[in-house]
Amino acid sequence: MSVAEDTLAALDRLFTQMIAQQESKLLRMAREVVPDLTSEDLRNPHDFPALVRDPEFNYEDGQLAGLRAAHMAARAELQGHVESSSR
């Protein structure tokens, strides 16, 4: 395995863990506002006006979006290195 592949695997595990933790935190927070909320409902929080009005929820939702974006950016960058080193 190349350095890029090792790095990609390590970052993938780290981001996956961080995203799962943030999703869990966000679901707990959301259920304080909307008790019957499901994890699937979090994909469309704008369907729940009480969540839209909650600044803490919106902040944490933004954190989750940032983690997901960073994860995909890191994967794309490192995948390019993996592909170029295998040529």
PDB file of N, CA and C in Angstrom:
ATOM      1  N   MET A   1       0.852  -1.188   0.000  1.00  0.00           N
ATOM      2  CA  MET A   1       0.000   0.000   0.000  1.00  0.00           C
ATOM      3  C   MET A   1       0.891   1.242   0.000  1.00  0.00           C
ATOM      4  N   SER A   2       0.525   2.244  -0.813  1.00  0.00           N
ATOM      5  CA  SER A   2       1.313   3.467  -0.904  1.00  0.00           C
ATOM      6  C   SER A   2       1.009   4.387   0.282  1.00  0.00           C
ATOM      7  N   VAL A   3       1.833   5.394   0.420  1.00  0.00           N
ATOM      8  CA  VAL A   3       1.620   6.386   1.475  1.00  0.00           C
ATOM      9  C   VAL A   3       0.264   7.070   1.277  1.00  0.00           C
ATOM     10  N   ALA A   4      -0.052   7.399   0.021  1.00  0.00           N
ATOM     11  CA  ALA A   4      -1.336   8.053  -0.263  1.00  0.00           C
ATOM     12  C   ALA A   4      -2.498   7.135   0.108  1.00  0.00           C
ATOM     13  N   GLU A   5      -2.379   5.842  -0.193  1.00  0.00           N
ATOM     14  CA  GLU A   5      -3.449   4.896   0.148  1.00  0.00           C
ATOM     15  C   GLU A   5      -3.598   4.752   1.659  1.00  0.00           C
ATOM     16  N   ASP A   6      -2.468   4.684   2.359  1.00  0.00           N
ATOM     17  CA  ASP A   6      -2.508   4.609   3.825  1.00  0.00           C
ATOM     18  C   ASP A   6      -3.148   5.862   4.416  1.00  0.00           C
ATOM     19  N   THR A   7      -2.757   7.012   3.886  1.00  0.00           N
ATOM     20  CA  THR A   7      -3.300   8.276   4.378  1.00  0.00           C
ATOM     21  C   THR A   7      -4.795   8.365   4.094  1.00  0.00           C
ATOM     22  N   LEU A   8      -5.196   7.968   2.892  1.00  0.00           N
ATOM     23  CA  LEU A   8      -6.608   7.980   2.530  1.00  0.00           C
ATOM     24  C   LEU A   8      -7.411   7.078   3.465  1.00  0.00           C
ATOM     25  N   ALA A   9      -6.911   5.892   3.746  1.00  0.00           N
ATOM     26  CA  ALA A   9      -7.615   4.965   4.634  1.00  0.00           C
ATOM     27  C   ALA A   9      -7.733   5.534   6.048  1.00  0.00           C
ATOM     28  N   ALA A  10      -6.653   6.134   6.545  1.00  0.00           N
ATOM     29  CA  ALA A  10      -6.674   6.704   7.899  1.00  0.00           C
ATOM     30  C   ALA A  10      -7.636   7.887   7.975  1.00  0.00           C
ATOM     31  N   LEU A  11      -7.587   8.776   6.985  1.00  0.00           N
ATOM     32  CA  LEU A  11      -8.488   9.921   6.981  1.00  0.00           C
ATOM     33  C   LEU A  11      -9.939   9.489   6.810  1.00  0.00           C
ATOM     34  N   ASP A  12     -10.157   8.487   5.990  1.00  0.00           N
ATOM     35  CA  ASP A  12     -11.510   7.985   5.786  1.00  0.00           C
ATOM     36  C   ASP A  12     -12.094   7.474   7.103  1.00  0.00           C
ATOM     37  N   ARG A  13     -11.299   6.707   7.845  1.00  0.00           N
ATOM     38  CA  ARG A  13     -11.763   6.208   9.158  1.00  0.00           C
ATOM     39  C   ARG A  13     -12.034   7.357  10.117  1.00  0.00           C
ATOM     40  N   LEU A  14     -11.129   8.323  10.159  1.00  0.00           N
ATOM     41  CA  LEU A  14     -11.276   9.461  11.073  1.00  0.00           C
ATOM     42  C   LEU A  14     -12.520  10.277  10.744  1.00  0.00           C
ATOM     43  N   PHE A  15     -12.672  10.643   9.481  1.00  0.00           N
ATOM     44  CA  PHE A  15     -13.843  11.430   9.087  1.00  0.00           C
ATOM     45  C   PHE A  15     -15.134  10.655   9.311  1.00  0.00           C
ATOM     46  N   THR A  16     -15.131   9.367   8.999  1.00  0.00           N
ATOM     47  CA  THR A  16     -16.328   8.551   9.207  1.00  0.00           C
ATOM     48  C   THR A  16     -16.732   8.554  10.675  1.00  0.00           C
ATOM     49  N   GLN A  17     -15.763   8.427  11.562  1.00  0.00           N
ATOM     50  CA  GLN A  17     -16.038   8.454  13.007  1.00  0.00           C
ATOM     51  C   GLN A  17     -16.540   9.824  13.447  1.00  0.00           C
ATOM     52  N   MET A  18     -15.908  10.884  12.988  1.00  0.00           N
ATOM     53  CA  MET A  18     -16.312  12.234  13.369  1.00  0.00           C
ATOM     54  C   MET A  18     -17.722  12.549  12.861  1.00  0.00           C
ATOM     55  N   ILE A  19     -18.025  12.131  11.637  1.00  0.00           N
ATOM     56  CA  ILE A  19     -19.350  12.369  11.068  1.00  0.00           C
ATOM     57  C   ILE A  19     -20.409  11.594  11.843  1.00  0.00           C
ATOM     58  N   ALA A  20     -20.118  10.349  12.196  1.00  0.00           N
ATOM     59  CA  ALA A  20     -21.079   9.549  12.969  1.00  0.00           C
ATOM     60  C   ALA A  20     -21.344  10.187  14.333  1.00  0.00           C
ATOM     61  N   GLN A  21     -20.302  10.690  14.979  1.00  0.00           N
ATOM     62  CA  GLN A  21     -20.477  11.359  16.272  1.00  0.00           C
ATOM     63  C   GLN A  21     -21.325  12.613  16.126  1.00  0.00           C
ATOM     64  N   GLN A  22     -21.081  13.389  15.075  1.00  0.00           N
ATOM     65  CA  GLN A  22     -21.845  14.621  14.880  1.00  0.00           C
ATOM     66  C   GLN A  22     -23.291  14.301  14.521  1.00  0.00           C
ATOM     67  N   GLU A  23     -23.519  13.270  13.723  1.00  0.00           N
ATOM     68  CA  GLU A  23     -24.890  12.867  13.393  1.00  0.00           C
ATOM     69  C   GLU A  23     -25.648  12.461  14.653  1.00  0.00           C
ATOM     70  N   SER A  24     -24.985  11.722  15.530  1.00  0.00           N
ATOM     71  CA  SER A  24     -25.611  11.300  16.782  1.00  0.00           C
ATOM     72  C   SER A  24     -25.942  12.507  17.659  1.00  0.00           C
ATOM     73  N   LYS A  25     -25.004  13.434  17.761  1.00  0.00           N
ATOM     74  CA  LYS A  25     -25.221  14.654  18.541  1.00  0.00           C
ATOM     75  C   LYS A  25     -26.382  15.454  17.970  1.00  0.00           C
ATOM     76  N   LEU A  26     -26.406  15.596  16.653  1.00  0.00           N
ATOM     77  CA  LEU A  26     -27.456  16.365  15.992  1.00  0.00           C
ATOM     78  C   LEU A  26     -28.826  15.723  16.199  1.00  0.00           C
ATOM     79  N   LEU A  27     -28.899  14.413  16.130  1.00  0.00           N
ATOM     80  CA  LEU A  27     -30.173  13.718  16.344  1.00  0.00           C
ATOM     81  C   LEU A  27     -30.658  13.922  17.781  1.00  0.00           C
ATOM     82  N   ARG A  28     -29.745  13.821  18.752  1.00  0.00           N
ATOM     83  CA  ARG A  28     -30.130  14.072  20.157  1.00  0.00           C
ATOM     84  C   ARG A  28     -30.670  15.482  20.331  1.00  0.00           C
ATOM     85  N   MET A  29     -29.964  16.453  19.759  1.00  0.00           N
ATOM     86  CA  MET A  29     -30.408  17.852  19.871  1.00  0.00           C
ATOM     87  C   MET A  29     -31.765  18.043  19.200  1.00  0.00           C
ATOM     88  N   ALA A  30     -31.925  17.480  18.025  1.00  0.00           N
ATOM     89  CA  ALA A  30     -33.172  17.649  17.273  1.00  0.00           C
ATOM     90  C   ALA A  30     -34.340  17.029  18.023  1.00  0.00           C
ATOM     91  N   ARG A  31     -34.094  15.894  18.665  1.00  0.00           N
ATOM     92  CA  ARG A  31     -35.174  15.227  19.399  1.00  0.00           C
ATOM     93  C   ARG A  31     -35.582  15.992  20.651  1.00  0.00           C
ATOM     94  N   GLU A  32     -34.757  16.890  21.124  1.00  0.00           N
ATOM     95  CA  GLU A  32     -35.165  17.760  22.226  1.00  0.00           C
ATOM     96  C   GLU A  32     -36.204  18.769  21.745  1.00  0.00           C
ATOM     97  N   VAL A  33     -36.153  19.089  20.462  1.00  0.00           N
ATOM     98  CA  VAL A  33     -37.066  20.057  19.872  1.00  0.00           C
ATOM     99  C   VAL A  33     -38.278  19.358  19.254  1.00  0.00           C
ATOM    100  N   VAL A  34     -38.016  18.254  18.544  1.00  0.00           N
ATOM    101  CA  VAL A  34     -39.065  17.469  17.867  1.00  0.00           C
ATOM    102  C   VAL A  34     -38.880  16.013  18.311  1.00  0.00           C
ATOM    103  N   PRO A  35     -39.566  15.589  19.373  1.00  0.00           N
ATOM    104  CA  PRO A  35     -39.303  14.284  19.993  1.00  0.00           C
ATOM    105  C   PRO A  35     -39.403  13.065  19.080  1.00  0.00           C
ATOM    106  N   ASP A  36     -40.281  13.053  18.110  1.00  0.00           N
ATOM    107  CA  ASP A  36     -40.462  11.868  17.259  1.00  0.00           C
ATOM    108  C   ASP A  36     -39.565  11.859  16.033  1.00  0.00           C
ATOM    109  N   LEU A  37     -38.632  12.742  15.959  1.00  0.00           N
ATOM    110  CA  LEU A  37     -37.775  12.882  14.793  1.00  0.00           C
ATOM    111  C   LEU A  37     -36.940  11.617  14.559  1.00  0.00           C
ATOM    112  N   THR A  38     -36.785  11.234  13.306  1.00  0.00           N
ATOM    113  CA  THR A  38     -35.943  10.085  12.960  1.00  0.00           C
ATOM    114  C   THR A  38     -34.649  10.582  12.317  1.00  0.00           C
ATOM    115  N   SER A  39     -33.683   9.702  12.217  1.00  0.00           N
ATOM    116  CA  SER A  39     -32.433  10.085  11.557  1.00  0.00           C
ATOM    117  C   SER A  39     -32.687  10.431  10.091  1.00  0.00           C
ATOM    118  N   GLU A  40     -33.641   9.775   9.480  1.00  0.00           N
ATOM    119  CA  GLU A  40     -34.011  10.095   8.095  1.00  0.00           C
ATOM    120  C   GLU A  40     -34.578  11.514   8.001  1.00  0.00           C
ATOM    121  N   ASP A  41     -35.331  11.935   9.011  1.00  0.00           N
ATOM    122  CA  ASP A  41     -35.892  13.294   9.022  1.00  0.00           C
ATOM    123  C   ASP A  41     -34.799  14.362   9.000  1.00  0.00           C
ATOM    124  N   LEU A  42     -33.634  14.032   9.534  1.00  0.00           N
ATOM    125  CA  LEU A  42     -32.546  15.011   9.570  1.00  0.00           C
ATOM    126  C   LEU A  42     -32.020  15.345   8.183  1.00  0.00           C
ATOM    127  N   ARG A  43     -32.349  14.534   7.201  1.00  0.00           N
ATOM    128  CA  ARG A  43     -31.931  14.844   5.828  1.00  0.00           C
ATOM    129  C   ARG A  43     -32.694  16.049   5.278  1.00  0.00           C
ATOM    130  N   ASN A  44     -33.860  16.344   5.872  1.00  0.00           N
ATOM    131  CA  ASN A  44     -34.689  17.476   5.456  1.00  0.00           C
ATOM    132  C   ASN A  44     -35.155  18.261   6.676  1.00  0.00           C
ATOM    133  N   PRO A  45     -34.234  18.846   7.435  1.00  0.00           N
ATOM    134  CA  PRO A  45     -34.639  19.543   8.659  1.00  0.00           C
ATOM    135  C   PRO A  45     -35.529  20.750   8.388  1.00  0.00           C
ATOM    136  N   HIS A  46     -35.469  21.285   7.164  1.00  0.00           N
ATOM    137  CA  HIS A  46     -36.313  22.446   6.829  1.00  0.00           C
ATOM    138  C   HIS A  46     -37.798  22.081   6.837  1.00  0.00           C
ATOM    139  N   ASP A  47     -38.124  20.782   6.877  1.00  0.00           N
ATOM    140  CA  ASP A  47     -39.525  20.345   6.977  1.00  0.00           C
ATOM    141  C   ASP A  47     -40.087  20.548   8.389  1.00  0.00           C
ATOM    142  N   PHE A  48     -39.227  20.922   9.328  1.00  0.00           N
ATOM    143  CA  PHE A  48     -39.622  21.078  10.727  1.00  0.00           C
ATOM    144  C   PHE A  48     -39.323  22.512  11.164  1.00  0.00           C
ATOM    145  N   PRO A  49     -40.334  23.371  11.140  1.00  0.00           N
ATOM    146  CA  PRO A  49     -40.122  24.793  11.459  1.00  0.00           C
ATOM    147  C   PRO A  49     -39.408  25.029  12.793  1.00  0.00           C
ATOM    148  N   ALA A  50     -39.675  24.181  13.774  1.00  0.00           N
ATOM    149  CA  ALA A  50     -39.025  24.372  15.078  1.00  0.00           C
ATOM    150  C   ALA A  50     -37.509  24.197  14.960  1.00  0.00           C
ATOM    151  N   LEU A  51     -37.059  23.316  14.094  1.00  0.00           N
ATOM    152  CA  LEU A  51     -35.616  23.140  13.894  1.00  0.00           C
ATOM    153  C   LEU A  51     -35.022  24.312  13.123  1.00  0.00           C
ATOM    154  N   VAL A  52     -35.755  24.803  12.158  1.00  0.00           N
ATOM    155  CA  VAL A  52     -35.280  25.932  11.359  1.00  0.00           C
ATOM    156  C   VAL A  52     -35.036  27.144  12.260  1.00  0.00           C
ATOM    157  N   ARG A  53     -35.861  27.298  13.272  1.00  0.00           N
ATOM    158  CA  ARG A  53     -35.746  28.456  14.180  1.00  0.00           C
ATOM    159  C   ARG A  53     -34.694  28.249  15.283  1.00  0.00           C
ATOM    160  N   ASP A  54     -34.144  27.050  15.424  1.00  0.00           N
ATOM    161  CA  ASP A  54     -33.211  26.749  16.519  1.00  0.00           C
ATOM    162  C   ASP A  54     -31.766  27.045  16.082  1.00  0.00           C
ATOM    163  N   PRO A  55     -31.162  28.114  16.619  1.00  0.00           N
ATOM    164  CA  PRO A  55     -29.815  28.482  16.179  1.00  0.00           C
ATOM    165  C   PRO A  55     -28.751  27.437  16.546  1.00  0.00           C
ATOM    166  N   GLU A  56     -28.884  26.785  17.685  1.00  0.00           N
ATOM    167  CA  GLU A  56     -27.910  25.759  18.057  1.00  0.00           C
ATOM    168  C   GLU A  56     -27.975  24.572  17.102  1.00  0.00           C
ATOM    169  N   PHE A  57     -29.196  24.153  16.761  1.00  0.00           N
ATOM    170  CA  PHE A  57     -29.348  23.060  15.819  1.00  0.00           C
ATOM    171  C   PHE A  57     -28.724  23.443  14.479  1.00  0.00           C
ATOM    172  N   ASN A  58     -29.006  24.638  14.010  1.00  0.00           N
ATOM    173  CA  ASN A  58     -28.464  25.070  12.718  1.00  0.00           C
ATOM    174  C   ASN A  58     -26.944  25.143  12.730  1.00  0.00           C
ATOM    175  N   TYR A  59     -26.373  25.568  13.834  1.00  0.00           N
ATOM    176  CA  TYR A  59     -24.918  25.598  13.958  1.00  0.00           C
ATOM    177  C   TYR A  59     -24.354  24.186  13.844  1.00  0.00           C
ATOM    178  N   GLU A  60     -24.915  23.259  14.620  1.00  0.00           N
ATOM    179  CA  GLU A  60     -24.416  21.879  14.616  1.00  0.00           C
ATOM    180  C   GLU A  60     -24.663  21.195  13.270  1.00  0.00           C
ATOM    181  N   ASP A  61     -25.764  21.530  12.619  1.00  0.00           N
ATOM    182  CA  ASP A  61     -26.031  21.003  11.280  1.00  0.00           C
ATOM    183  C   ASP A  61     -24.978  21.518  10.295  1.00  0.00           C
ATOM    184  N   GLY A  62     -24.585  22.761  10.464  1.00  0.00           N
ATOM    185  CA  GLY A  62     -23.514  23.327   9.644  1.00  0.00           C
ATOM    186  C   GLY A  62     -22.185  22.637   9.884  1.00  0.00           C
ATOM    187  N   GLN A  63     -21.925  22.288  11.137  1.00  0.00           N
ATOM    188  CA  GLN A  63     -20.704  21.548  11.460  1.00  0.00           C
ATOM    189  C   GLN A  63     -20.693  20.200  10.729  1.00  0.00           C
ATOM    190  N   LEU A  64     -21.833  19.528  10.744  1.00  0.00           N
ATOM    191  CA  LEU A  64     -21.952  18.245  10.053  1.00  0.00           C
ATOM    192  C   LEU A  64     -21.722  18.418   8.552  1.00  0.00           C
ATOM    193  N   ALA A  65     -22.308  19.434   7.978  1.00  0.00           N
ATOM    194  CA  ALA A  65     -22.112  19.693   6.544  1.00  0.00           C
ATOM    195  C   ALA A  65     -20.637  19.956   6.238  1.00  0.00           C
ATOM    196  N   GLY A  66     -19.979  20.683   7.114  1.00  0.00           N
ATOM    197  CA  GLY A  66     -18.556  20.957   6.933  1.00  0.00           C
ATOM    198  C   GLY A  66     -17.706  19.706   7.013  1.00  0.00           C
ATOM    199  N   LEU A  67     -18.017  18.833   7.958  1.00  0.00           N
ATOM    200  CA  LEU A  67     -17.290  17.564   8.063  1.00  0.00           C
ATOM    201  C   LEU A  67     -17.476  16.724   6.808  1.00  0.00           C
ATOM    202  N   ARG A  68     -18.692  16.669   6.323  1.00  0.00           N
ATOM    203  CA  ARG A  68     -18.954  15.887   5.102  1.00  0.00           C
ATOM    204  C   ARG A  68     -18.198  16.470   3.907  1.00  0.00           C
ATOM    205  N   ALA A  69     -18.196  17.782   3.791  1.00  0.00           N
ATOM    206  CA  ALA A  69     -17.494  18.432   2.683  1.00  0.00           C
ATOM    207  C   ALA A  69     -15.987  18.192   2.779  1.00  0.00           C
ATOM    208  N   ALA A  70     -15.432  18.310   3.976  1.00  0.00           N
ATOM    209  CA  ALA A  70     -13.997  18.078   4.164  1.00  0.00           C
ATOM    210  C   ALA A  70     -13.643  16.624   3.855  1.00  0.00           C
ATOM    211  N   HIS A  71     -14.509  15.711   4.250  1.00  0.00           N
ATOM    212  CA  HIS A  71     -14.292  14.293   3.971  1.00  0.00           C
ATOM    213  C   HIS A  71     -14.215  14.051   2.466  1.00  0.00           C
ATOM    214  N   MET A  72     -15.175  14.575   1.743  1.00  0.00           N
ATOM    215  CA  MET A  72     -15.195  14.371   0.288  1.00  0.00           C
ATOM    216  C   MET A  72     -14.011  15.069  -0.391  1.00  0.00           C
ATOM    217  N   ALA A  73     -13.638  16.247   0.082  1.00  0.00           N
ATOM    218  CA  ALA A  73     -12.504  16.964  -0.504  1.00  0.00           C
ATOM    219  C   ALA A  73     -11.200  16.195  -0.273  1.00  0.00           C
ATOM    220  N   ALA A  74     -11.009  15.691   0.941  1.00  0.00           N
ATOM    221  CA  ALA A  74      -9.801  14.920   1.247  1.00  0.00           C
ATOM    222  C   ALA A  74      -9.750  13.646   0.409  1.00  0.00           C
ATOM    223  N   ARG A  75     -10.890  12.979   0.293  1.00  0.00           N
ATOM    224  CA  ARG A  75     -10.937  11.748  -0.522  1.00  0.00           C
ATOM    225  C   ARG A  75     -10.604  12.046  -1.982  1.00  0.00           C
ATOM    226  N   ALA A  76     -11.176  13.094  -2.520  1.00  0.00           N
ATOM    227  CA  ALA A  76     -10.931  13.438  -3.922  1.00  0.00           C
ATOM    228  C   ALA A  76      -9.453  13.769  -4.155  1.00  0.00           C
ATOM    229  N   GLU A  77      -8.890  14.552  -3.249  1.00  0.00           N
ATOM    230  CA  GLU A  77      -7.483  14.936  -3.388  1.00  0.00           C
ATOM    231  C   GLU A  77      -6.566  13.720  -3.295  1.00  0.00           C
ATOM    232  N   LEU A  78      -6.770  12.903  -2.289  1.00  0.00           N
ATOM    233  CA  LEU A  78      -5.888  11.749  -2.097  1.00  0.00           C
ATOM    234  C   LEU A  78      -6.132  10.666  -3.141  1.00  0.00           C
ATOM    235  N   GLN A  79      -7.386  10.531  -3.575  1.00  0.00           N
ATOM    236  CA  GLN A  79      -7.664   9.539  -4.617  1.00  0.00           C
ATOM    237  C   GLN A  79      -6.893   9.878  -5.881  1.00  0.00           C
ATOM    238  N   GLY A  80      -6.764  11.150  -6.182  1.00  0.00           N
ATOM    239  CA  GLY A  80      -5.962  11.563  -7.328  1.00  0.00           C
ATOM    240  C   GLY A  80      -4.511  11.154  -7.188  1.00  0.00           C
ATOM    241  N   HIS A  81      -3.981  11.251  -5.979  1.00  0.00           N
ATOM    242  CA  HIS A  81      -2.597  10.830  -5.734  1.00  0.00           C
ATOM    243  C   HIS A  81      -2.464   9.316  -5.846  1.00  0.00           C
ATOM    244  N   VAL A  82      -3.453   8.580  -5.355  1.00  0.00           N
ATOM    245  CA  VAL A  82      -3.429   7.119  -5.436  1.00  0.00           C
ATOM    246  C   VAL A  82      -3.444   6.696  -6.899  1.00  0.00           C
ATOM    247  N   GLU A  83      -4.337   7.310  -7.688  1.00  0.00           N
ATOM    248  CA  GLU A  83      -4.453   6.951  -9.100  1.00  0.00           C
ATOM    249  C   GLU A  83      -3.192   7.303  -9.881  1.00  0.00           C
ATOM    250  N   SER A  84      -2.604   8.466  -9.589  1.00  0.00           N
ATOM    251  CA  SER A  84      -1.394   8.861 -10.333  1.00  0.00           C
ATOM    252  C   SER A  84      -0.179   8.016  -9.941  1.00  0.00           C
ATOM    253  N   SER A  85      -0.139   7.527  -8.708  1.00  0.00           N
ATOM    254  CA  SER A  85       0.997   6.699  -8.295  1.00  0.00           C
ATOM    255  C   SER A  85       0.874   5.265  -8.813  1.00  0.00           C
ATOM    256  N   SER A  86      -0.321   4.859  -9.219  1.00  0.00           N
ATOM    257  CA  SER A  86      -0.507   3.485  -9.716  1.00  0.00           C
ATOM    258  C   SER A  86      -0.310   3.405 -11.229  1.00  0.00           C
ATOM    259  N   ARG A  87      -0.059   4.540 -11.875  1.00  0.00           N
ATOM    260  CA  ARG A  87       0.145   4.536 -13.341  1.00  0.00           C
ATOM    261  C   ARG A  87       1.553   4.191 -13.706  1.00  0.00           C
TER     262      ARG A  87
END
